[in-house]
Amino acid sequence: MSAAIKKKSTTTKASADDEKMAKALVEAYEKLKAQVHKVIVGQDDVLEQLLIAMLARGHCLLEGVPGLAKTLMVRSLSQAINLSFRRIQFTPDLMPADITGTDIIQEDKTTGHRELVFEKGPIFSQIVLADEINRTPPKTQAALLEAMQEHDVTVGGKTYHLDEPFFVLATQNPIDQEGTYPLPEAQIDRFMLKVKITHPDRDEERQIIDLMGLTNAAPETQQVVTVKDILKAREVINSIYTDDKVKDYIVDMVCCTRDPERYGIDVADFIQLGASPRATIALTLTAKAHAFLRGRGFVTPQDVKSVALDVLRHRVSVTFEAEAEEKNSETIIQKILDELPVP
């Protein structure tokens, strides 16, 4: 790394082995992007946010219209890291047992003895794509969100641990509202990031034709990162130094969404509910991951600003007055980022 990694409780320089390992992990990230780009054109920001959430031990909510290669991107990412991958299509008739699994009666053909055997559901994968999570009832949503929080699944009084790293990417369609079950505020807060994916520009769409339109077989994605690399990267990110002034900046940013008048920012009439303390934790962890991917052993205010919109956009609820003036949480957060003093 370009700067020494520092422990939380000290300001001593990290060992040469730590720096060497960190540099190798950053190089592995560049190789990972190259592999994903074999099948995905553009979307660098989205890919980076997905990896930041994974490295920061969080989950990601992805919002975008159909046809933007969300599934292909996640599957390619899992192949490049050699993680198990399952896709769950959420529908109104999906039951919690369809996600977590259930006990079934199994008979031994030789003895005739019957016993309950747990049949694991698709949640028992390291990367789970929950497609259109807002199309299933709250009971089924809760089954997924509990596993996200606890990294455990309890069925029939027995608890089963999920393999690490465990990462959930949930998608929702922002257009269709009929027949959907929007996630409650308390549940949507469990997603570390909410990332918006947009259509590619003209040049990128032209590249898609060259990449996918001339062959029936999609290019293969090769493994370039191991599970051990991801777990090591998490350890390195934990030790990345965050100055007290940057910590204060993070706290001020989150508190400003609850009490903007205290900071002299005129958005109080537009905010119904500010971000929770979980946002403070998410901002800190994702800012560290953002710094790590740029080869730095310390967090800057720009790292915080770079991830703030994705961390806060789903944690700030707006008032009817804001909706009447066509203001959403993003415009409010951006105003806070523009006006809040930077250390």
Protein backbone atom coordinates (compact mmCIF):
# COMPACT_ATOMS: atom_id res chain seq x y z
CA MET A 1 0.00 0.00 0.00
CA SER A 2 1.05 3.60 -0.50
CA ALA A 3 0.75 4.28 3.22
CA ALA A 4 1.37 2.12 6.25
CA ILE A 5 -1.60 0.34 7.74
CA LYS A 6 -2.11 1.33 11.35
CA LYS A 7 -3.78 -0.51 14.14
CA LYS A 8 -6.78 1.08 15.80
CA SER A 9 -5.07 1.51 19.13
CA THR A 10 -1.63 2.54 17.84
CA THR A 11 0.03 4.64 15.18
CA THR A 12 2.92 2.26 14.55
CA LYS A 13 3.71 1.17 11.02
CA ALA A 14 2.44 -2.16 9.82
CA SER A 15 4.92 -4.88 9.09
CA ALA A 16 6.38 -5.38 5.64
CA ASP A 17 4.42 -8.64 5.36
CA ASP A 18 1.14 -6.79 5.94
CA GLU A 19 1.94 -4.26 3.23
CA LYS A 20 3.03 -6.97 0.81
CA MET A 21 -0.18 -8.92 1.43
CA ALA A 22 -2.32 -5.81 1.04
CA LYS A 23 -0.64 -4.92 -2.25
CA ALA A 24 -1.24 -8.43 -3.56
CA LEU A 25 -4.92 -8.22 -2.63
CA VAL A 26 -5.34 -4.89 -4.40
CA GLU A 27 -3.72 -6.36 -7.51
CA ALA A 28 -6.11 -9.31 -7.25
CA TYR A 29 -9.01 -6.84 -7.31
CA GLU A 30 -7.80 -5.45 -10.65
CA LYS A 31 -7.62 -8.99 -12.04
CA LEU A 32 -11.14 -9.64 -10.75
CA LYS A 33 -12.48 -6.59 -12.58
CA ALA A 34 -10.77 -7.75 -15.77
CA GLN A 35 -12.46 -11.14 -15.52
CA VAL A 36 -15.92 -9.67 -14.93
CA HIS A 37 -15.42 -7.34 -17.89
CA LYS A 38 -15.18 -10.39 -20.12
CA VAL A 39 -18.96 -10.64 -19.84
CA ILE A 40 -20.03 -7.21 -18.51
CA VAL A 41 -19.49 -3.90 -20.29
CA GLY A 42 -18.98 -0.90 -18.00
CA GLN A 43 -20.73 -0.84 -14.60
CA ASP A 44 -17.39 -0.33 -12.81
CA ASP A 45 -19.05 1.65 -10.02
CA VAL A 46 -21.65 -1.05 -9.41
CA LEU A 47 -19.02 -3.79 -9.34
CA GLU A 48 -16.91 -1.80 -6.91
CA GLN A 49 -19.86 -1.22 -4.58
CA LEU A 50 -20.70 -4.94 -4.61
CA LEU A 51 -17.14 -5.81 -3.66
CA ILE A 52 -17.03 -3.08 -0.99
CA ALA A 53 -20.15 -4.52 0.62
CA MET A 54 -18.64 -8.01 0.55
CA LEU A 55 -15.32 -6.88 2.04
CA ALA A 56 -17.13 -4.84 4.70
CA ARG A 57 -19.20 -7.87 5.77
CA GLY A 58 -22.43 -6.34 4.52
CA HIS A 59 -25.17 -6.98 1.99
CA CYS A 60 -26.33 -4.96 -0.98
CA LEU A 61 -29.72 -3.87 -2.31
CA LEU A 62 -29.58 -3.26 -6.06
CA GLU A 63 -32.27 -1.21 -7.75
CA GLY A 64 -32.69 -1.16 -11.51
CA VAL A 65 -35.02 -2.06 -14.35
CA PRO A 66 -34.89 -5.54 -15.88
CA GLY A 67 -32.32 -6.38 -18.52
CA LEU A 68 -29.27 -4.68 -17.02
CA ALA A 69 -27.28 -7.92 -16.49
CA LYS A 70 -27.59 -7.90 -12.70
CA THR A 71 -27.72 -11.69 -12.51
CA LEU A 72 -24.86 -12.12 -14.98
CA MET A 73 -22.68 -9.69 -13.03
CA VAL A 74 -23.23 -11.48 -9.72
CA ARG A 75 -22.70 -14.92 -11.26
CA SER A 76 -19.48 -13.74 -12.93
CA LEU A 77 -18.29 -12.27 -9.62
CA SER A 78 -18.93 -15.59 -7.85
CA GLN A 79 -17.00 -17.49 -10.55
CA ALA A 80 -14.04 -15.11 -10.33
CA ILE A 81 -13.83 -15.77 -6.56
CA ASN A 82 -14.93 -19.42 -6.76
CA LEU A 83 -17.87 -18.92 -4.39
CA SER A 84 -21.05 -20.98 -4.45
CA PHE A 85 -23.90 -19.05 -6.07
CA ARG A 86 -27.68 -19.44 -5.99
CA ARG A 87 -30.40 -17.28 -7.47
CA ILE A 88 -33.83 -17.12 -5.82
CA GLN A 89 -36.69 -15.69 -7.87
CA PHE A 90 -39.02 -14.09 -5.35
CA THR A 91 -42.73 -14.52 -6.12
CA PRO A 92 -45.94 -13.93 -4.13
CA ASP A 93 -46.30 -17.67 -3.39
CA LEU A 94 -42.71 -18.19 -2.15
CA MET A 95 -42.62 -19.57 1.39
CA PRO A 96 -39.87 -19.19 4.04
CA ALA A 97 -39.06 -22.91 3.80
CA ASP A 98 -38.39 -22.45 0.08
CA ILE A 99 -35.44 -20.27 1.10
CA THR A 100 -34.12 -21.79 4.30
CA GLY A 101 -34.94 -25.44 3.63
CA THR A 102 -37.06 -27.85 5.63
CA ASP A 103 -37.05 -31.18 7.45
CA ILE A 104 -38.18 -34.11 5.34
CA ILE A 105 -38.95 -37.71 6.30
CA GLN A 106 -36.34 -40.09 4.91
CA GLU A 107 -36.61 -43.87 5.09
CA ASP A 108 -33.69 -46.28 5.28
CA LYS A 109 -34.48 -48.91 2.61
CA THR A 110 -32.59 -51.65 4.44
CA THR A 111 -34.03 -51.21 7.93
CA GLY A 112 -37.25 -49.36 7.18
CA HIS A 113 -36.31 -46.82 9.85
CA ARG A 114 -37.62 -43.32 9.25
CA GLU A 115 -36.06 -40.11 10.45
CA LEU A 116 -36.24 -36.38 9.82
CA VAL A 117 -33.43 -35.09 7.61
CA PHE A 118 -32.82 -31.43 6.96
CA GLU A 119 -32.86 -30.52 3.27
CA LYS A 120 -30.90 -27.29 2.83
CA GLY A 121 -32.46 -24.47 0.87
CA PRO A 122 -30.79 -22.04 -1.57
CA ILE A 123 -29.81 -19.70 1.30
CA PHE A 124 -26.94 -22.13 1.97
CA SER A 125 -24.69 -20.49 -0.62
CA GLN A 126 -21.91 -17.95 -0.25
CA ILE A 127 -23.47 -15.54 -2.74
CA VAL A 128 -27.27 -15.38 -2.89
CA LEU A 129 -29.09 -13.32 -5.49
CA ALA A 130 -32.57 -12.49 -4.17
CA ASP A 131 -34.25 -11.39 -7.38
CA GLU A 132 -37.16 -8.93 -6.97
CA ILE A 133 -37.30 -9.22 -3.20
CA ASN A 134 -40.26 -6.83 -3.06
CA ARG A 135 -42.49 -9.34 -4.88
CA THR A 136 -42.76 -11.73 -1.94
CA PRO A 137 -44.77 -11.27 1.30
CA PRO A 138 -43.12 -9.90 4.48
CA LYS A 139 -43.02 -13.35 6.12
CA THR A 140 -40.73 -14.69 3.41
CA GLN A 141 -38.69 -11.47 3.32
CA ALA A 142 -38.12 -11.82 7.06
CA ALA A 143 -36.71 -15.34 6.62
CA LEU A 144 -34.02 -13.99 4.30
CA LEU A 145 -33.26 -10.92 6.40
CA GLU A 146 -32.84 -12.99 9.56
CA ALA A 147 -30.22 -15.13 7.83
CA MET A 148 -28.51 -11.97 6.60
CA GLN A 149 -28.22 -10.59 10.11
CA GLU A 150 -27.34 -13.74 12.04
CA HIS A 151 -25.54 -15.77 9.34
CA ASP A 152 -27.47 -18.68 10.82
CA VAL A 153 -30.62 -20.58 9.89
CA THR A 154 -32.82 -22.22 12.54
CA VAL A 155 -35.21 -24.96 11.45
CA GLY A 156 -36.95 -27.43 13.74
CA GLY A 157 -35.09 -26.18 16.79
CA LYS A 158 -31.66 -26.75 15.20
CA THR A 159 -29.29 -23.99 14.12
CA TYR A 160 -27.21 -24.30 10.96
CA HIS A 161 -24.33 -21.92 10.28
CA LEU A 162 -23.87 -20.39 6.83
CA ASP A 163 -20.49 -20.60 5.11
CA GLU A 164 -18.32 -17.49 5.02
CA PRO A 165 -18.12 -15.21 3.22
CA PHE A 166 -21.91 -14.93 3.03
CA PHE A 167 -23.20 -12.17 0.78
CA VAL A 168 -26.77 -11.36 -0.23
CA LEU A 169 -27.55 -9.21 -3.23
CA ALA A 170 -31.25 -8.34 -3.42
CA THR A 171 -32.77 -6.64 -6.44
CA GLN A 172 -35.97 -4.70 -6.77
CA ASN A 173 -37.70 -3.18 -9.78
CA PRO A 174 -38.39 0.54 -9.22
CA ILE A 175 -41.07 0.68 -11.93
CA ASP A 176 -43.68 -1.97 -11.12
CA GLN A 177 -45.57 -1.27 -7.89
CA GLU A 178 -48.69 -3.41 -8.36
CA GLY A 179 -48.49 -6.73 -6.52
CA THR A 180 -45.34 -5.79 -4.61
CA TYR A 181 -44.51 -5.71 -0.91
CA PRO A 182 -42.09 -2.83 -0.24
CA LEU A 183 -39.49 -3.57 2.42
CA PRO A 184 -40.24 -1.91 5.77
CA GLU A 185 -37.77 0.71 6.98
CA ALA A 186 -36.49 -1.53 9.76
CA GLN A 187 -35.72 -4.30 7.28
CA ILE A 188 -34.24 -2.22 4.49
CA ASP A 189 -31.83 -0.76 7.05
CA ARG A 190 -30.14 -4.17 7.25
CA PHE A 191 -28.68 -3.67 3.78
CA MET A 192 -25.31 -1.98 4.06
CA LEU A 193 -25.58 -0.38 0.61
CA LYS A 194 -28.34 0.47 -1.81
CA VAL A 195 -26.87 0.78 -5.29
CA LYS A 196 -28.73 2.10 -8.31
CA ILE A 197 -27.87 0.60 -11.67
CA THR A 198 -28.64 2.56 -14.83
CA HIS A 199 -28.67 1.87 -18.55
CA PRO A 200 -25.32 1.84 -20.35
CA ASP A 201 -24.46 4.79 -22.54
CA ARG A 202 -24.43 4.52 -26.34
CA ASP A 203 -20.76 3.53 -26.66
CA GLU A 204 -21.11 0.85 -23.99
CA GLU A 205 -24.24 -0.53 -25.63
CA ARG A 206 -22.33 -0.72 -28.91
CA GLN A 207 -19.62 -2.73 -27.11
CA ILE A 208 -22.28 -5.13 -25.83
CA ILE A 209 -23.09 -6.06 -29.43
CA ASP A 210 -19.44 -6.80 -30.13
CA LEU A 211 -19.08 -8.80 -26.92
CA MET A 212 -22.26 -10.86 -26.91
CA GLY A 213 -23.88 -10.52 -30.31
CA LEU A 214 -21.28 -12.37 -32.40
CA THR A 215 -21.27 -15.66 -30.54
CA ASN A 216 -23.77 -18.01 -28.97
CA ALA A 217 -21.51 -18.84 -26.04
CA ALA A 218 -20.73 -16.26 -23.35
CA PRO A 219 -17.03 -15.80 -22.53
CA GLU A 220 -15.86 -17.83 -19.56
CA THR A 221 -14.87 -16.16 -16.30
CA GLN A 222 -11.75 -17.61 -14.67
CA GLN A 223 -11.06 -17.72 -10.94
CA VAL A 224 -8.51 -15.08 -9.94
CA VAL A 225 -9.33 -14.61 -6.23
CA THR A 226 -9.81 -17.24 -3.53
CA VAL A 227 -12.03 -17.31 -0.46
CA LYS A 228 -8.87 -17.04 1.63
CA ASP A 229 -8.00 -13.80 -0.20
CA ILE A 230 -11.40 -12.31 0.67
CA LEU A 231 -11.07 -13.28 4.33
CA LYS A 232 -7.52 -11.87 4.46
CA ALA A 233 -8.71 -8.64 2.85
CA ARG A 234 -11.36 -8.31 5.58
CA GLU A 235 -8.66 -8.57 8.23
CA VAL A 236 -6.53 -5.94 6.50
CA ILE A 237 -9.52 -3.60 6.17
CA ASN A 238 -10.21 -3.88 9.91
CA SER A 239 -6.73 -2.54 10.63
CA ILE A 240 -6.92 0.43 8.24
CA TYR A 241 -6.38 3.64 10.18
CA THR A 242 -9.22 6.13 10.66
CA ASP A 243 -8.26 9.48 12.16
CA ASP A 244 -10.40 10.96 14.93
CA LYS A 245 -11.33 13.89 12.69
CA VAL A 246 -12.63 11.51 10.04
CA LYS A 247 -14.60 9.61 12.69
CA ASP A 248 -16.13 12.91 13.83
CA TYR A 249 -16.97 13.70 10.20
CA ILE A 250 -18.80 10.38 9.85
CA VAL A 251 -20.76 10.94 13.06
CA ASP A 252 -21.64 14.52 12.05
CA MET A 253 -22.85 13.32 8.65
CA VAL A 254 -25.21 10.76 10.17
CA CYS A 255 -26.40 13.08 12.95
CA CYS A 256 -27.06 15.77 10.36
CA THR A 257 -29.72 13.54 8.79
CA ARG A 258 -31.54 13.56 12.16
CA ASP A 259 -30.95 17.15 13.26
CA PRO A 260 -29.83 19.24 10.26
CA GLU A 261 -30.68 22.55 11.97
CA ARG A 262 -27.87 21.92 14.46
CA TYR A 263 -25.43 22.03 11.54
CA GLY A 264 -27.03 24.98 9.79
CA ILE A 265 -28.26 22.96 6.80
CA ASP A 266 -31.78 23.84 5.66
CA VAL A 267 -33.33 20.41 5.00
CA ALA A 268 -35.21 19.76 8.26
CA ASP A 269 -38.63 20.17 6.64
CA PHE A 270 -37.80 17.47 4.11
CA ILE A 271 -36.57 14.72 6.46
CA GLN A 272 -39.11 12.50 8.21
CA LEU A 273 -36.65 10.01 9.65
CA GLY A 274 -32.86 10.20 9.73
CA ALA A 275 -30.25 7.45 9.51
CA SER A 276 -29.75 4.98 12.35
CA PRO A 277 -26.49 4.20 14.20
CA ARG A 278 -26.15 1.26 11.83
CA ALA A 279 -25.40 3.87 9.15
CA THR A 280 -22.45 5.13 11.21
CA ILE A 281 -20.99 1.63 11.32
CA ALA A 282 -21.65 1.07 7.62
CA LEU A 283 -20.04 4.38 6.65
CA THR A 284 -16.92 3.55 8.62
CA LEU A 285 -16.52 0.03 7.24
CA THR A 286 -17.27 0.90 3.62
CA ALA A 287 -14.95 3.93 3.73
CA LYS A 288 -12.18 1.60 4.91
CA ALA A 289 -12.93 -0.82 2.08
CA HIS A 290 -12.96 2.06 -0.40
CA ALA A 291 -9.52 3.17 0.82
CA PHE A 292 -8.24 -0.41 0.64
CA LEU A 293 -9.24 -0.80 -3.01
CA ARG A 294 -7.19 2.31 -3.77
CA GLY A 295 -4.12 0.97 -2.05
CA ARG A 296 -4.23 3.26 0.98
CA GLY A 297 -3.82 2.29 4.60
CA PHE A 298 -5.83 5.22 5.94
CA VAL A 299 -9.29 6.71 5.40
CA THR A 300 -9.80 10.19 3.97
CA PRO A 301 -12.96 12.32 4.00
CA GLN A 302 -13.24 11.68 0.26
CA ASP A 303 -13.54 7.95 0.95
CA VAL A 304 -16.48 8.73 3.22
CA LYS A 305 -18.13 11.00 0.63
CA SER A 306 -17.63 8.39 -2.10
CA VAL A 307 -19.72 5.78 -0.28
CA ALA A 308 -22.11 8.08 1.61
CA LEU A 309 -24.87 8.19 -1.00
CA ASP A 310 -25.11 4.40 -1.29
CA VAL A 311 -25.00 3.99 2.49
CA LEU A 312 -27.59 6.66 3.31
CA ARG A 313 -30.07 6.82 0.42
CA HIS A 314 -32.27 4.04 1.83
CA ARG A 315 -31.88 5.15 5.45
CA VAL A 316 -33.30 8.67 5.11
CA SER A 317 -37.08 8.96 4.80
CA VAL A 318 -38.53 12.11 3.27
CA THR A 319 -41.69 14.05 4.17
CA PHE A 320 -44.72 14.72 2.00
CA GLU A 321 -43.44 18.26 1.59
CA ALA A 322 -40.25 16.92 0.03
CA GLU A 323 -42.23 14.74 -2.36
CA ALA A 324 -44.40 17.71 -3.29
CA GLU A 325 -41.28 19.65 -4.21
CA GLU A 326 -39.91 16.63 -6.08
CA LYS A 327 -37.05 16.14 -3.65
CA ASN A 328 -35.90 12.64 -2.74
CA SER A 329 -33.44 11.29 -0.20
CA GLU A 330 -30.58 11.54 -2.70
CA THR A 331 -30.97 15.28 -3.24
CA ILE A 332 -31.16 15.83 0.52
CA ILE A 333 -28.06 13.74 1.20
CA GLN A 334 -26.18 15.49 -1.59
CA LYS A 335 -26.99 18.86 -0.04
CA ILE A 336 -25.62 17.61 3.29
CA LEU A 337 -22.44 16.39 1.57
CA ASP A 338 -22.02 19.74 -0.15
CA GLU A 339 -22.55 21.90 2.92
CA LEU A 340 -21.21 19.86 5.83
CA PRO A 341 -17.68 21.12 6.67
CA VAL A 342 -14.99 18.65 5.64
CA PRO A 343 -12.05 18.14 8.02
